[in-house]
Protein backbone atom coordinates (compact mmCIF):
# COMPACT_ATOMS: atom_id res chain seq x y z
CA MET A 1 100.44 98.44 72.41
CA THR A 2 101.03 101.88 70.93
CA SER A 3 100.45 105.14 72.73
CA PRO A 4 97.18 107.00 72.12
CA THR A 5 97.48 110.05 69.91
CA THR A 6 97.18 113.37 71.71
CA THR A 7 95.25 116.35 70.47
CA THR A 8 96.74 119.05 68.26
CA ASP A 9 95.69 122.37 66.82
CA ASN A 10 94.19 120.55 63.84
CA SER A 11 92.16 118.04 65.90
CA PRO A 12 88.38 118.08 65.45
CA ALA A 13 86.46 119.70 68.28
CA THR A 14 83.16 119.12 70.07
CA THR A 15 80.33 121.67 70.03
CA LEU A 16 81.73 123.41 73.12
CA GLY A 17 85.25 123.55 71.72
CA PHE A 18 86.99 120.55 73.30
CA PRO A 19 89.60 119.02 70.98
CA VAL A 20 89.11 115.33 70.23
CA ALA A 21 91.99 112.87 70.10
CA GLU A 22 92.67 111.54 66.60
CA HIS A 23 92.47 107.87 67.55
CA PRO A 24 90.73 105.83 70.27
CA ALA A 25 92.69 104.40 73.16
CA PRO A 26 94.23 101.07 72.09
CA LEU A 27 92.46 99.11 74.82
CA ASP A 28 89.11 100.53 73.75
CA GLU A 29 89.59 99.01 70.30
CA LEU A 30 90.77 95.70 71.74
CA LEU A 31 87.88 95.38 74.19
CA GLY A 32 85.31 96.41 71.56
CA ASP A 33 81.75 97.67 71.87
CA PRO A 34 80.63 96.66 75.39
CA PHE A 35 76.96 96.65 74.34
CA ALA A 36 77.45 94.08 71.57
CA SER A 37 75.83 90.84 72.70
CA ASP A 38 78.38 88.75 70.81
CA ASN A 39 81.36 90.54 72.35
CA PRO A 40 83.17 88.19 74.79
CA THR A 41 84.55 91.26 76.58
CA GLY A 42 81.29 93.20 76.73
CA TYR A 43 79.05 94.12 79.65
CA GLU A 44 77.04 90.91 79.48
CA ALA A 45 80.15 88.74 79.96
CA ALA A 46 81.61 91.05 82.61
CA LEU A 47 78.38 90.97 84.62
CA ALA A 48 78.20 87.17 84.40
CA ALA A 49 81.71 86.86 85.82
CA ASP A 50 80.88 89.38 88.56
CA ASP A 51 77.77 87.40 89.55
CA ARG A 52 79.91 84.28 89.84
CA GLY A 53 82.38 86.20 91.97
CA GLU A 54 85.16 85.41 89.52
CA PRO A 55 87.76 87.59 87.82
CA PHE A 56 86.70 88.53 84.29
CA ALA A 57 88.85 85.95 82.50
CA ALA A 58 88.12 87.07 78.92
CA GLY A 59 89.02 90.64 79.81
CA GLU A 60 92.24 89.52 81.48
CA VAL A 61 93.25 87.65 78.33
CA VAL A 62 92.90 90.84 76.29
CA LEU A 63 94.91 92.84 78.83
CA ASP A 64 97.61 90.17 78.98
CA ARG A 65 97.92 90.11 75.20
CA ALA A 66 98.19 93.90 75.21
CA GLY A 67 101.04 93.66 77.71
CA LEU A 68 99.29 95.91 80.21
CA GLY A 69 101.95 95.28 82.83
CA ALA A 70 104.32 97.44 80.80
CA GLU A 71 102.07 100.44 81.51
CA TYR A 72 103.16 100.29 85.15
CA VAL A 73 106.89 100.12 84.42
CA PRO A 74 108.86 103.35 83.84
CA ALA A 75 110.10 103.82 80.30
CA GLY A 76 113.67 103.84 81.60
CA LEU A 77 113.18 100.26 82.81
CA GLY A 78 111.71 99.01 79.55
CA GLY A 79 108.04 99.86 80.16
CA ARG A 80 105.57 102.44 78.87
CA LEU A 81 104.98 104.56 81.98
CA THR A 82 105.77 108.18 81.15
CA GLY A 83 102.99 110.47 82.39
CA VAL A 84 100.52 109.65 85.16
CA ASP A 85 97.65 111.30 83.30
CA THR A 86 98.58 109.30 80.20
CA LEU A 87 98.34 106.10 82.26
CA VAL A 88 94.88 107.16 83.45
CA ARG A 89 93.70 107.68 79.87
CA ARG A 90 95.00 104.24 78.88
CA LEU A 91 93.19 102.60 81.80
CA ARG A 92 89.83 104.29 81.31
CA PRO A 93 88.48 101.75 78.77
CA VAL A 94 89.13 98.97 81.30
CA PHE A 95 87.30 100.77 84.11
CA ARG A 96 84.40 101.71 81.83
CA LEU A 97 83.88 97.99 81.40
CA ASP A 98 84.66 96.59 84.85
CA ALA A 99 86.34 98.27 87.80
CA GLY A 100 87.14 94.86 89.26
CA LEU A 101 89.09 94.02 86.12
CA GLY A 102 91.02 97.28 86.31
CA LEU A 103 91.79 96.93 90.00
CA GLY A 104 92.45 93.21 90.06
CA HIS A 105 94.48 92.92 86.89
CA GLY A 106 96.68 95.94 87.27
CA LEU A 107 96.00 98.77 89.69
CA THR A 108 96.93 96.70 92.74
CA THR A 109 100.20 95.77 91.03
CA LEU A 110 100.87 99.45 90.34
CA MET A 111 100.27 100.35 93.99
CA ALA A 112 102.91 97.82 95.04
CA ALA A 113 105.41 98.68 92.29
CA LEU A 114 105.30 102.41 93.02
CA ASN A 115 107.16 101.72 96.28
CA VAL A 116 109.91 100.02 94.29
CA TRP A 117 110.17 102.86 91.76
CA THR A 118 110.28 105.31 94.70
CA ALA A 119 112.81 103.63 97.00
CA GLY A 120 114.18 100.47 95.40
CA ASP A 121 117.80 100.01 94.49
CA THR A 122 118.93 99.19 90.96
CA ALA A 123 118.62 95.43 91.42
CA GLN A 124 115.18 95.61 93.04
CA ARG A 125 113.85 97.88 90.33
CA ALA A 126 115.19 95.59 87.62
CA ARG A 127 113.67 92.46 89.20
CA VAL A 128 110.24 94.01 89.64
CA ALA A 129 110.30 95.53 86.15
CA ARG A 130 111.02 92.10 84.72
CA LEU A 131 108.21 90.57 86.77
CA LEU A 132 105.66 93.09 85.45
CA LEU A 133 106.90 92.96 81.88
CA ASP A 134 106.43 89.18 82.01
CA GLY A 135 102.76 89.74 82.88
CA ARG A 136 102.91 88.71 86.53
CA ARG A 137 101.23 90.49 89.44
CA LEU A 138 102.15 92.01 92.78
CA SER A 139 100.10 92.41 95.95
CA VAL A 140 100.58 95.31 98.34
CA ALA A 141 100.07 94.59 102.04
CA TYR A 142 99.77 97.93 103.84
CA HIS A 143 96.78 97.66 106.13
CA GLU A 144 95.68 95.45 108.96
CA LEU A 145 91.97 95.02 109.60
CA GLU A 146 92.31 95.99 113.26
CA HIS A 147 93.97 99.33 112.49
CA GLY A 148 92.25 100.56 109.31
CA ASN A 149 94.04 103.56 107.81
CA ASP A 150 96.25 103.99 110.88
CA LEU A 151 99.46 102.64 109.40
CA THR A 152 101.40 103.66 112.51
CA GLY A 153 99.45 101.07 114.51
CA ASN A 154 100.36 98.09 112.32
CA HIS A 155 101.63 95.09 114.25
CA LEU A 156 103.08 92.75 111.62
CA ARG A 157 106.78 92.59 112.47
CA ALA A 158 110.00 92.23 110.56
CA ASP A 159 112.42 91.19 113.30
CA PRO A 160 116.17 91.35 112.69
CA ALA A 161 117.81 88.00 111.96
CA PRO A 162 121.37 86.92 111.08
CA GLN A 163 120.64 86.83 107.33
CA GLY A 164 118.03 89.61 107.21
CA PHE A 165 114.59 89.52 108.84
CA THR A 166 111.87 87.16 110.01
CA LEU A 167 108.24 88.17 109.40
CA HIS A 168 105.56 87.59 112.05
CA GLY A 169 101.87 88.46 111.77
CA LEU A 170 98.82 88.77 109.51
CA LYS A 171 97.69 91.00 106.68
CA ARG A 172 94.04 90.72 105.62
CA VAL A 173 91.80 92.25 102.92
CA ILE A 174 94.69 92.25 100.46
CA ASN A 175 93.96 91.96 96.73
CA ASN A 176 95.32 89.14 94.58
CA THR A 177 96.97 87.25 97.43
CA ASP A 178 96.13 83.89 95.86
CA ARG A 179 97.71 84.65 92.49
CA ALA A 180 100.38 87.28 93.07
CA ALA A 181 103.95 86.36 92.20
CA GLY A 182 105.29 88.84 94.75
CA ALA A 183 104.27 91.39 97.35
CA VAL A 184 105.35 94.55 99.12
CA VAL A 185 104.71 94.26 102.86
CA PHE A 186 104.50 97.11 105.37
CA ALA A 187 106.08 95.80 108.58
CA ARG A 188 107.08 97.08 112.01
CA THR A 189 110.86 97.11 112.47
CA THR A 190 111.04 98.68 115.95
CA PRO A 191 109.61 97.49 119.29
CA TRP A 192 106.05 98.54 120.01
CA ALA A 193 105.74 101.97 121.65
CA SER A 194 102.67 103.93 122.71
CA ARG A 195 103.81 107.00 120.77
CA PRO A 196 104.74 106.37 117.13
CA THR A 197 107.90 108.04 115.88
CA GLY A 198 107.22 107.94 112.14
CA ARG A 199 110.18 105.61 111.67
CA ASP A 200 108.70 102.49 113.23
CA HIS A 201 107.95 100.66 109.98
CA SER A 202 109.75 99.53 106.85
CA LEU A 203 108.78 98.08 103.49
CA ILE A 204 109.77 94.53 102.61
CA LEU A 205 109.87 93.37 98.98
CA LEU A 206 108.98 89.71 98.47
CA ASP A 207 109.49 89.27 94.74
CA ASP A 208 108.98 85.48 94.73
CA LEU A 209 106.31 84.25 97.12
CA THR A 210 106.76 80.66 95.94
CA ALA A 211 110.28 80.68 97.41
CA LEU A 212 109.02 81.29 100.97
CA PRO A 213 108.99 78.23 103.26
CA ASP A 214 105.54 76.62 103.45
CA ASP A 215 105.81 76.14 107.21
CA THR A 216 106.29 79.88 107.84
CA PHE A 217 104.09 81.47 105.16
CA ARG A 218 100.57 80.81 103.93
CA ARG A 219 97.97 82.56 101.83
CA LEU A 220 94.70 83.04 103.71
CA PRO A 221 91.25 82.13 102.31
CA ARG A 222 89.44 84.56 100.07
CA LEU A 223 87.01 87.14 101.47
CA ARG A 224 83.85 87.94 99.50
CA THR A 225 82.64 91.50 98.95
CA SER A 226 79.39 93.16 97.87
CA GLY A 227 81.13 95.31 95.25
CA LEU A 228 84.18 94.54 93.11
CA ALA A 229 83.05 90.92 93.36
CA GLY A 230 85.62 89.76 90.84
CA CYS A 231 88.53 90.94 92.98
CA ARG A 232 90.17 88.20 95.00
CA LEU A 233 90.71 89.67 98.46
CA GLY A 234 92.55 87.45 100.89
CA GLY A 235 95.50 87.73 103.20
CA PHE A 236 98.99 86.62 104.18
CA GLU A 237 100.10 84.93 107.39
CA PHE A 238 103.75 84.88 108.42
CA ASP A 239 105.11 82.80 111.30
CA GLY A 240 108.83 83.46 111.56
CA CYS A 241 109.19 83.62 107.77
CA PRO A 242 112.82 84.33 106.82
CA VAL A 243 113.57 86.99 104.21
CA PRO A 244 117.00 88.24 103.10
CA ALA A 245 118.48 91.60 104.02
CA ASP A 246 118.20 92.81 100.41
CA ALA A 247 114.40 92.56 100.68
CA LEU A 248 114.38 95.90 102.50
CA LEU A 249 113.02 98.71 100.31
CA GLY A 250 114.77 101.96 101.06
CA GLY A 251 116.25 102.49 104.51
CA LEU A 252 115.22 100.95 107.79
CA GLY A 253 112.31 102.91 109.24
CA GLU A 254 111.43 104.60 105.93
CA GLY A 255 108.29 102.57 105.28
CA SER A 256 105.82 105.33 106.11
CA SER A 257 107.60 108.03 104.14
CA VAL A 258 108.00 105.82 101.07
CA ALA A 259 104.38 104.65 101.23
CA LEU A 260 103.05 108.20 101.60
CA ARG A 261 104.98 109.38 98.55
CA SER A 262 103.75 106.37 96.56
CA PHE A 263 100.19 107.14 97.68
CA GLN A 264 100.37 110.47 95.87
CA VAL A 265 100.62 108.68 92.55
CA SER A 266 98.17 105.85 93.23
CA ARG A 267 95.57 108.28 94.59
CA CYS A 268 95.66 110.21 91.32
CA VAL A 269 95.41 107.06 89.21
CA THR A 270 92.53 105.67 91.27
CA ALA A 271 90.61 108.95 91.13
CA GLY A 272 91.18 109.45 87.41
CA ALA A 273 90.37 105.88 86.42
CA GLY A 274 87.28 105.98 88.64
CA THR A 275 85.72 108.71 86.50
CA ALA A 276 85.35 106.08 83.77
CA LEU A 277 82.57 104.40 85.76
CA LEU A 278 80.50 107.57 85.54
CA GLU A 279 81.38 108.11 81.89
CA ALA A 280 80.14 104.64 80.97
CA ALA A 281 77.00 104.89 83.08
CA LEU A 282 76.13 108.32 81.67
CA PHE A 283 76.38 107.01 78.11
CA GLY A 284 74.26 103.99 79.03
CA VAL A 285 71.54 105.92 80.85
CA HIS A 286 71.37 108.49 78.05
CA ARG A 287 70.94 105.62 75.62
CA PHE A 288 68.16 104.17 77.78
CA ALA A 289 66.45 107.58 78.04
CA THR A 290 66.40 108.01 74.27
CA GLU A 291 64.88 104.53 73.77
CA ARG A 292 62.31 104.63 76.58
CA VAL A 293 59.05 106.36 75.68
CA LEU A 294 56.75 107.90 78.30
CA TYR A 295 53.77 110.17 77.73
CA GLY A 296 54.26 109.83 74.00
CA ARG A 297 57.86 111.02 73.85
CA PRO A 298 61.35 109.79 74.78
CA VAL A 299 62.31 110.09 78.43
CA SER A 300 65.28 112.19 77.30
CA ALA A 301 62.83 114.85 76.11
CA LEU A 302 61.37 115.30 79.61
CA PRO A 303 62.84 118.34 81.42
CA HIS A 304 63.63 116.45 84.63
CA ALA A 305 65.44 113.70 82.76
CA ARG A 306 67.44 116.19 80.68
CA SER A 307 68.40 118.02 83.87
CA LEU A 308 69.63 114.81 85.53
CA LEU A 309 71.65 113.80 82.48
CA ALA A 310 73.18 117.25 82.01
CA GLY A 311 73.94 117.46 85.73
CA ALA A 312 75.72 114.11 85.70
CA PHE A 313 77.69 115.27 82.65
CA ALA A 314 78.69 118.41 84.58
CA ASP A 315 79.80 116.21 87.50
CA LEU A 316 81.93 114.16 85.12
CA GLN A 317 83.56 117.30 83.72
CA VAL A 318 84.36 118.61 87.20
CA ALA A 319 85.72 115.25 88.35
CA GLY A 320 87.82 114.87 85.22
CA ALA A 321 89.26 118.38 85.42
CA LEU A 322 90.33 117.94 89.04
CA ALA A 323 91.70 114.41 88.53
CA ARG A 324 93.71 115.48 85.47
CA ALA A 325 95.18 118.53 87.21
CA ALA A 326 96.17 116.44 90.24
CA ALA A 327 97.84 113.80 88.06
CA ARG A 328 99.79 116.33 86.00
CA ALA A 329 100.82 118.21 89.14
CA LEU A 330 102.91 115.17 90.10
CA HIS A 331 105.16 116.15 87.19
CA LEU A 332 104.71 119.92 87.01
CA HIS A 333 104.19 120.99 90.65
CA PRO A 334 105.49 118.12 92.79
CA ALA A 335 105.89 120.28 95.91
CA ALA A 336 102.10 120.71 96.13
CA ALA A 337 101.09 117.44 94.47
CA GLY A 338 100.47 115.48 97.68
CA ARG A 339 97.74 117.91 98.71
CA TYR A 340 96.15 117.78 95.26
CA ALA A 341 96.31 113.98 95.11
CA ALA A 342 94.59 113.61 98.48
CA THR A 343 91.95 116.17 97.48
CA ALA A 344 91.21 114.35 94.21
CA LYS A 345 91.06 110.98 95.95
CA TYR A 346 88.55 112.43 98.43
CA LEU A 347 86.29 114.43 96.11
CA VAL A 348 86.32 112.63 92.75
CA PRO A 349 84.92 109.26 93.92
CA ARG A 350 82.28 111.11 95.91
CA LEU A 351 81.23 113.09 92.85
CA VAL A 352 81.13 109.89 90.80
CA GLU A 353 79.02 108.06 93.37
CA ASP A 354 76.55 110.95 93.75
CA ALA A 355 76.15 111.24 89.98
CA LEU A 356 75.69 107.47 89.60
CA THR A 357 72.96 107.62 92.25
CA ASP A 358 71.22 110.37 90.28
CA LEU A 359 71.43 108.34 87.08
CA ALA A 360 69.92 105.33 88.84
CA VAL A 361 66.78 107.43 89.34
CA LEU A 362 66.28 107.53 85.58
CA LEU A 363 66.70 103.77 85.29
CA GLY A 364 64.18 103.22 88.06
CA ALA A 365 63.77 99.57 89.06
CA ARG A 366 66.25 98.54 86.36
CA SER A 367 69.05 100.00 88.45
CA TYR A 368 68.54 97.12 90.93
CA LEU A 369 68.54 94.35 88.35
CA ARG A 370 71.61 92.15 87.87
CA GLU A 371 70.68 91.29 84.30
CA GLY A 372 69.69 93.20 81.22
CA GLU A 373 71.37 95.73 78.99
CA TYR A 374 71.81 98.36 81.70
CA ALA A 375 72.62 96.17 84.70
CA PHE A 376 76.22 97.39 84.49
CA VAL A 377 75.11 100.78 85.90
CA GLY A 378 74.12 99.12 89.18
CA LYS A 379 77.40 97.23 89.18
CA HIS A 380 79.36 100.47 88.73
CA LEU A 381 77.43 101.98 91.64
CA ARG A 382 78.33 98.99 93.83
CA ASP A 383 81.95 99.08 92.72
CA ILE A 384 82.66 102.78 93.22
CA ALA A 385 82.19 102.43 96.98
CA GLY A 386 84.99 99.89 97.21
CA LEU A 387 87.19 101.72 94.71
CA SER A 388 86.83 104.97 96.66
CA ILE A 389 88.21 103.33 99.80
CA GLY A 390 91.17 101.70 98.06
CA HIS A 391 94.26 101.96 100.22
CA ALA A 392 93.07 105.19 101.88
CA GLY A 393 89.52 106.28 102.67
CA GLY A 394 88.05 109.76 102.45
CA VAL A 395 88.79 110.88 106.00
CA SER A 396 92.38 109.71 105.66
CA CYS A 397 92.71 111.96 102.61
CA GLN A 398 91.11 114.87 104.47
CA LEU A 399 93.61 114.44 107.30
CA THR A 400 96.40 114.68 104.75
CA VAL A 401 95.09 118.04 103.55
CA LEU A 402 93.96 119.60 106.85
CA PRO A 403 97.37 120.41 108.43
CA GLU A 404 98.41 122.30 105.31
CA LEU A 405 95.40 124.62 105.05
CA PRO A 406 96.30 127.19 107.76
CA GLY A 407 99.54 128.24 106.08
CA LEU A 408 98.47 128.34 102.42
CA ARG A 409 99.68 131.29 100.37
CA LEU A 410 98.47 132.57 97.02
CA THR A 411 101.37 134.92 96.40
CA GLY A 412 103.38 132.80 93.96
CA PRO A 413 102.82 132.31 90.26
CA PRO A 414 99.73 130.41 89.12
CA ALA A 415 99.98 126.85 87.87
CA ASP A 416 101.59 126.12 84.54
CA PRO A 417 98.91 126.17 81.79
CA ALA A 418 100.14 122.69 80.84
CA LEU A 419 98.45 121.46 84.02
CA PHE A 420 95.16 121.60 82.10
CA ASP A 421 95.96 119.88 78.81
CA ASP A 422 97.49 116.63 77.51
CA SER A 423 100.89 117.91 76.38
CA PRO A 424 103.96 115.82 77.28
CA THR A 425 105.17 116.23 80.86
CA PRO A 426 108.65 115.92 82.35
CA PRO A 427 109.43 112.44 83.69
CA LEU A 428 107.99 111.65 87.10
CA ASP A 429 110.58 112.10 89.86
CA PRO A 430 109.32 110.35 93.03
CA ALA A 431 112.12 111.99 95.05
CA ALA A 432 110.60 115.42 94.31
CA LEU A 433 107.27 114.48 95.94
CA ARG A 434 107.04 115.92 99.43
CA LEU A 435 105.41 114.53 102.56
CA ARG A 436 104.42 118.05 103.60
CA GLY A 437 103.26 120.25 100.76
CA SER A 438 104.56 123.69 99.95
CA ARG A 439 102.77 126.70 101.39
CA GLU A 440 102.28 128.11 97.92
CA ASP A 441 99.22 126.73 96.13
CA PRO A 442 99.68 127.24 92.38
CA LEU A 443 96.37 125.63 91.42
CA LEU A 444 94.28 127.68 93.82
CA THR A 445 96.22 130.74 92.68
CA VAL A 446 94.75 130.17 89.21
CA LEU A 447 91.30 130.77 90.69
CA ALA A 448 92.46 133.76 92.75
CA HIS A 449 94.02 135.47 89.72
CA ALA A 450 90.92 134.82 87.61
CA LEU A 451 88.74 136.37 90.31
CA ASP A 452 91.02 139.39 90.56
CA ASP A 453 90.95 140.00 86.81
CA ALA A 454 89.34 143.34 86.00
CA ASP A 455 87.70 141.70 82.99
CA PRO A 456 86.77 138.21 84.25
CA HIS A 457 86.08 135.28 81.97
CA PRO A 458 82.41 135.43 80.86
CA GLY A 459 81.79 131.96 82.25
CA LEU A 460 83.19 132.99 85.63
CA ALA A 461 81.73 136.48 85.98
CA PRO A 462 78.21 135.48 87.18
CA LEU A 463 79.71 133.46 90.04
CA ALA A 464 82.78 135.55 90.85
CA THR A 465 81.35 137.28 93.92
CA GLY A 466 80.29 134.03 95.57
CA LEU A 467 83.55 132.26 94.76
CA ARG A 468 85.63 135.17 96.07
CA ALA A 469 83.68 135.20 99.33
CA GLU A 470 84.11 131.44 99.74
CA LEU A 471 87.83 131.55 98.95
CA ASP A 472 88.42 134.33 101.49
CA ALA A 473 86.30 132.56 104.11
CA VAL A 474 88.09 129.23 103.77
CA ARG A 475 91.49 130.90 104.07
CA ALA A 476 90.45 132.94 107.11
CA GLU A 477 88.79 130.03 108.91
CA SER A 478 91.73 127.75 108.15
CA ALA A 479 94.22 130.28 109.53
CA ALA A 480 92.21 130.40 112.77
CA LEU A 481 92.34 126.63 113.34
CA PRO A 482 94.12 125.80 116.60
CA PRO A 483 96.97 123.27 116.29
CA ALA A 484 94.96 120.63 118.17
CA ALA A 485 92.25 120.72 115.46
CA ARG A 486 94.63 120.01 112.57
CA GLY A 487 95.20 116.28 113.11
CA VAL A 488 93.34 113.09 114.05
CA ALA A 489 91.48 115.00 116.79
CA ALA A 490 89.88 117.30 114.18
CA ASP A 491 86.15 117.84 114.60
CA HIS A 492 83.53 118.03 111.87
CA ARG A 493 84.01 121.78 111.43
CA ALA A 494 87.71 121.37 110.71
CA LEU A 495 87.10 118.49 108.32
CA ALA A 496 84.44 120.58 106.58
CA LEU A 497 87.16 123.07 105.66
CA THR A 498 88.98 120.38 103.70
CA GLU A 499 85.78 119.69 101.77
CA ARG A 500 85.29 123.36 101.00
CA TYR A 501 88.93 123.58 99.91
CA ALA A 502 88.35 120.58 97.64
CA TRP A 503 85.44 122.30 95.90
CA LEU A 504 87.53 125.45 95.42
CA LEU A 505 90.35 123.37 93.96
CA ALA A 506 87.85 121.74 91.58
CA ALA A 507 86.67 125.21 90.56
CA ALA A 508 90.29 126.24 89.96
CA ALA A 509 90.85 123.19 87.75
CA CYS A 510 87.76 124.09 85.71
CA VAL A 511 88.83 127.72 85.38
CA GLY A 512 92.28 126.59 84.26
CA THR A 513 90.71 124.27 81.70
CA ALA A 514 88.45 127.03 80.37
CA THR A 515 91.24 129.57 80.03
CA ARG A 516 94.09 127.31 78.92
CA THR A 517 96.37 128.32 76.11
CA GLY A 518 98.92 126.15 74.36
CA PRO A 519 99.57 123.77 71.51
CA THR A 520 97.08 121.06 72.38
CA GLY A 521 93.69 122.62 72.59
CA GLY A 522 91.36 125.49 71.98
CA THR A 523 89.42 127.38 74.62
CA PRO A 524 86.07 125.83 75.61
CA ASP A 525 82.83 127.73 75.16
CA PRO A 526 82.19 130.06 78.16
CA ARG A 527 78.90 128.28 78.78
CA TRP A 528 80.87 125.18 79.75
CA LEU A 529 82.65 126.99 82.57
CA ARG A 530 79.50 128.59 83.87
CA ALA A 531 77.66 125.26 83.85
CA VAL A 532 80.38 123.36 85.74
CA LEU A 533 80.92 126.15 88.27
CA GLU A 534 77.19 126.30 88.93
CA ARG A 535 77.28 122.53 89.40
CA ILE A 536 80.09 122.93 91.94
CA GLY A 537 77.97 125.51 93.71
CA ARG A 538 74.99 123.18 93.83
CA ARG A 539 76.95 120.12 94.98
CA SER A 540 78.85 122.07 97.63
CA GLY A 541 75.90 124.16 98.79
CA ARG A 542 78.17 127.21 98.94
CA LEU A 543 76.86 129.21 95.95
CA PRO A 544 73.37 130.45 95.00
CA GLU A 545 71.17 128.15 92.94
CA PRO A 546 71.38 129.00 89.20
CA ARG A 547 68.32 130.54 87.59
CA ASP A 548 69.46 130.52 83.98
CA ILE A 549 69.14 127.03 82.46
CA ALA A 550 70.94 127.97 79.23
CA PRO A 551 74.43 126.81 80.37
CA LEU A 552 73.10 123.40 81.41
CA ASP A 553 71.16 123.16 78.15
CA ALA A 554 74.41 123.81 76.27
CA LEU A 555 76.04 121.03 78.25
CA TYR A 556 73.21 118.67 77.32
CA GLY A 557 73.70 119.59 73.67
CA GLU A 558 77.39 118.73 74.02
CA LEU A 559 76.43 115.38 75.56
CA GLU A 560 74.13 114.51 72.67
CA HIS A 561 76.70 115.59 70.08
CA ARG A 562 79.41 113.40 71.59
CA VAL A 563 77.13 110.39 71.80
CA ALA A 564 76.03 110.81 68.19
CA THR A 565 79.58 111.21 66.88
CA GLY A 566 81.10 108.29 68.83
CA VAL A 567 83.24 110.43 71.14
CA SER A 568 83.80 109.82 74.84
CA LEU A 569 82.26 112.10 77.46
CA ASP A 570 85.55 112.69 79.31
CA ILE A 571 87.21 116.03 79.95
CA ASP A 572 89.65 115.04 77.19
CA PRO A 573 87.39 113.30 74.65
CA GLU A 574 88.52 110.52 72.35
CA PRO A 575 86.80 108.21 69.84
CA VAL A 576 85.20 105.12 71.38
CA ALA A 577 84.17 101.72 70.01
CA ARG A 578 80.63 101.74 71.38
CA ARG A 579 77.77 103.02 69.27
CA PRO A 580 74.39 104.57 70.06
CA ALA A 581 71.43 102.20 69.95
């Protein structure tokens, strides 16, 4: 599978000035128009598999033939993984179609493999690369049902043994346990203590589950879910299962630190790929609204309907801008990337779910149906809840951000303009990712500098006063947080600061997008920035309600233009295989 073509100075542009990629994503062409009734990898077939609670077999065949496993393997090991944001763009066609397909076929494997790329030795990396390049899957066994996101409380043990370790315990709610070739297991390697030390756990690589003795290892029965019904969640049970010493990933006691660095990447991929659910639903509901006639005219001509559609499009733009900036920060600003990844993983799925809920209003009763041309919208709404939890829920992400807020500084240089485009990035260096982020915040500094500009961007100027007040308030209130309120004992007021920070970071990503300069894109129309910032104000409740509907009208015009010209609705648009009705 070839790489998608990036945008250039000569690329065509949308009505609001966004450059369009020259070619569609390869997987979009392979999967075809999802609305075509004769397409074996369309919505109708995906929904049928979901209703049966089965993986989408026809979709998996396409992904296998495309060698999707290579997307998760670094280029230096024979794969195609170069930039995290590039991986997100390649996965979006899969998630537009079926989040269960995207998660079950590949994203779970990526989550496991990231630990190997981060901490594995040469032999471990080579073995896992070969496994993925051969089209096989990995499971990742972090959590235990009894302990939720509290990894420090995990009980599954890896006890020392003459030849390595013996595993004892259970892991449940783990994806692909019944068909994974291997797994990465998070295991306790010190005796239980009431106060965790941060070095109580290690990661164990099991790269051939079939080689484990049947009397000490078994795969637990599948668990059914309300969303992501095609994912096969199960578990592992170990009863003195022997594993060799070279199964240890990284050093003894480094499990938490390796996992937390790996999370920074998987959080960005999950957030970015999750925007595709909203992109697909927005296209579908717009299509429905243009076909459906009420009061003698299309639903799309009714002011309320246009407002809902334009608002959801604004949500998609905000979500995409933040997700892209977080993904590219892994390469360009790794010292702050952990904070950005956790923020994106918290805010982006929430934005997507809220926008999907709004779109369901336009579908009315059809949003509850499990059949029909637009039943996939209801499926996406069911799936986003499970996808947003992933390996770390929203509060877990907030608790990653909260301890870093009191010391943030905006005195350094602003983020590299390349944070906001699709130009090539330096190779990802997992060793550069930090468990505790830098005090400097280059992305938020973009917003601060824009607000301090004597001649502010015309799309920012109407909201500058409110944004400046909110930025100053969040910094002041964060600095006043007592140490006891910066961890798991944080109350709702402290957690609210992380949400307000997330909205400011989203605003910074949008400002950076609107003012970017460089070889890969022009500057968007100022009305785009004003519309998305007003949307941030409305969603966050921190800025005055807009009175001028012109920016949102311009956004609706952009939506209609992209639909009519066969271009995706993403922050970085590309041609798509689907066609308007």
